[in-house]
Every structure is written in C-alpha cells, then in structure tokens.
C-alpha atoms as a PDB file:
ATOM      1  CA  MET A   1     -31.316 -46.989 -53.836  1.00  0.00           C
ATOM      2  CA  ALA A   2     -31.254 -43.171 -54.295  1.00  0.00           C
ATOM      3  CA  HIS A   3     -33.394 -41.322 -51.553  1.00  0.00           C
ATOM      4  CA  HIS A   4     -35.713 -38.120 -53.317  1.00  0.00           C
ATOM      5  CA  SER A   5     -38.343 -36.093 -51.844  1.00  0.00           C
ATOM      6  CA  VAL A   6     -41.520 -37.672 -53.211  1.00  0.00           C
ATOM      7  CA  LEU A   7     -45.607 -36.967 -53.002  1.00  0.00           C
ATOM      8  CA  LEU A   8     -47.437 -39.190 -51.742  1.00  0.00           C
ATOM      9  CA  PHE A   9     -51.053 -39.232 -53.106  1.00  0.00           C
ATOM     10  CA  LYS A  10     -54.032 -41.370 -51.196  1.00  0.00           C
ATOM     11  CA  PRO A  11     -57.355 -41.375 -51.889  1.00  0.00           C
ATOM     12  CA  TYR A  12     -59.161 -39.607 -49.308  1.00  0.00           C
ATOM     13  CA  PRO A  13     -61.786 -42.244 -47.205  1.00  0.00           C
ATOM     14  CA  MET A  14     -65.010 -39.478 -47.698  1.00  0.00           C
ATOM     15  CA  ALA A  15     -68.339 -40.589 -45.505  1.00  0.00           C
ATOM     16  CA  VAL A  16     -71.685 -39.912 -46.444  1.00  0.00           C
ATOM     17  CA  GLY A  17     -72.847 -36.481 -44.451  1.00  0.00           C
ATOM     18  CA  GLN A  18     -69.228 -34.471 -44.517  1.00  0.00           C
ATOM     19  CA  LYS A  19     -68.741 -31.084 -45.488  1.00  0.00           C
ATOM     20  CA  ILE A  20     -66.316 -30.196 -48.122  1.00  0.00           C
ATOM     21  CA  HIS A  21     -64.279 -27.534 -49.487  1.00  0.00           C
ATOM     22  CA  ILE A  22     -62.458 -27.872 -52.713  1.00  0.00           C
ATOM     23  CA  ASP A  23     -60.085 -25.208 -53.316  1.00  0.00           C
ATOM     24  CA  GLY A  24     -59.608 -24.890 -57.414  1.00  0.00           C
ATOM     25  CA  GLY A  25     -60.608 -26.765 -60.145  1.00  0.00           C
ATOM     26  CA  LEU A  26     -63.757 -27.466 -62.127  1.00  0.00           C
ATOM     27  CA  ARG A  27     -65.539 -28.314 -59.117  1.00  0.00           C
ATOM     28  CA  HIS A  28     -64.648 -25.845 -56.667  1.00  0.00           C
ATOM     29  CA  GLY A  29     -66.728 -25.002 -53.615  1.00  0.00           C
ATOM     30  CA  ASP A  30     -68.446 -25.827 -50.306  1.00  0.00           C
ATOM     31  CA  TRP A  31     -70.102 -29.666 -51.055  1.00  0.00           C
ATOM     32  CA  GLU A  32     -72.118 -32.257 -48.889  1.00  0.00           C
ATOM     33  CA  VAL A  33     -71.185 -35.505 -49.113  1.00  0.00           C
ATOM     34  CA  ILE A  34     -74.457 -37.370 -49.990  1.00  0.00           C
ATOM     35  CA  GLY A  35     -73.406 -40.850 -51.150  1.00  0.00           C
ATOM     36  CA  VAL A  36     -69.890 -42.901 -51.294  1.00  0.00           C
ATOM     37  CA  SER A  37     -69.020 -46.328 -53.373  1.00  0.00           C
ATOM     38  CA  ASP A  38     -65.628 -47.733 -54.057  1.00  0.00           C
ATOM     39  CA  ARG A  39     -65.749 -45.704 -57.374  1.00  0.00           C
ATOM     40  CA  LYS A  40     -68.032 -42.743 -57.543  1.00  0.00           C
ATOM     41  CA  VAL A  41     -68.682 -40.118 -55.123  1.00  0.00           C
ATOM     42  CA  ARG A  42     -72.177 -38.858 -54.804  1.00  0.00           C
ATOM     43  CA  LEU A  43     -71.823 -34.708 -53.741  1.00  0.00           C
ATOM     44  CA  ARG A  44     -74.907 -31.784 -53.083  1.00  0.00           C
ATOM     45  CA  CYS A  45     -74.286 -27.944 -53.714  1.00  0.00           C
ATOM     46  CA  PRO A  46     -75.422 -26.548 -50.043  1.00  0.00           C
ATOM     47  CA  VAL A  47     -76.430 -23.180 -52.192  1.00  0.00           C
ATOM     48  CA  SER A  48     -78.188 -24.657 -55.319  1.00  0.00           C
ATOM     49  CA  HIS A  49     -78.855 -28.125 -54.073  1.00  0.00           C
ATOM     50  CA  ARG A  50     -77.945 -29.711 -57.215  1.00  0.00           C
ATOM     51  CA  GLU A  51     -76.441 -33.135 -56.956  1.00  0.00           C
ATOM     52  CA  PHE A  52     -73.891 -34.400 -58.890  1.00  0.00           C
ATOM     53  CA  GLU A  53     -71.741 -38.144 -59.289  1.00  0.00           C
ATOM     54  CA  TRP A  54     -68.175 -38.348 -60.380  1.00  0.00           C
ATOM     55  CA  ASP A  55     -65.652 -40.443 -60.466  1.00  0.00           C
ATOM     56  CA  ARG A  56     -63.890 -40.750 -56.871  1.00  0.00           C
ATOM     57  CA  PHE A  57     -61.192 -37.846 -56.944  1.00  0.00           C
ATOM     58  CA  CYS A  58     -59.963 -36.417 -53.423  1.00  0.00           C
ATOM     59  CA  TYR A  59     -56.607 -37.222 -52.280  1.00  0.00           C
ATOM     60  CA  PHE A  60     -54.436 -36.618 -49.286  1.00  0.00           C
ATOM     61  CA  VAL A  61     -51.139 -35.520 -50.355  1.00  0.00           C
ATOM     62  CA  GLU A  62     -48.365 -35.646 -48.254  1.00  0.00           C
ATOM     63  CA  LYS A  63     -44.883 -35.114 -48.860  1.00  0.00           C
ATOM     64  CA  GLN A  64     -41.646 -37.202 -47.462  1.00  0.00           C
ATOM     65  CA  GLU A  65     -38.301 -36.512 -47.113  1.00  0.00           C
ATOM     66  CA  GLU A  66     -35.484 -39.165 -48.098  1.00  0.00           C
ATOM     67  CA  ARG A  67     -37.820 -41.690 -49.305  1.00  0.00           C
ATOM     68  CA  GLU A  68     -36.424 -44.006 -50.990  1.00  0.00           C
ATOM     69  CA  TRP A  69     -37.339 -44.218 -54.553  1.00  0.00           C
ATOM     70  CA  PRO A  70     -38.157 -45.782 -56.953  1.00  0.00           C
ATOM     71  CA  GLN A  71     -39.147 -48.215 -54.656  1.00  0.00           C
ATOM     72  CA  ARG A  72     -38.157 -51.947 -54.761  1.00  0.00           C
END
C-alpha cells in the first residue's frame, strides 16, 4: 500500500458546560454546551440566550503524514 497525507475527522466529545467558539459556517460564534446525546448537541447563545439543538457536527481534525491509505 502507498502512503499519503491524510486528514482524520473525529467527533469531538463535547460536555455540558463547555464554552465553545465555532469559526465559520452558519453556526459561527460563541456558544455554551447545554446538552449532549449520542446524536444531538444543544447549544445556547450567550448573548441572545436562544437555544438550538442540532445533529452533532463538531469534529477535531488531525493531519497525518505518511499514512497508509486506503487502510486495509
């Protein structure tokens, strides 16, 4: 197998009470995590205090060099 530069996306393990900042996209800005399940995350805007529940969407990204791809 050949080795390539590969980006890894892993769901971020958010926890209630965390303060987060989303940089870009429709949900950009500051948020407080007020609920987390296996499939959903509930966020509150610290300015308007509006609450939203969305499918989990935050990911940690890592770049790995010289990684086997595709994996067996």
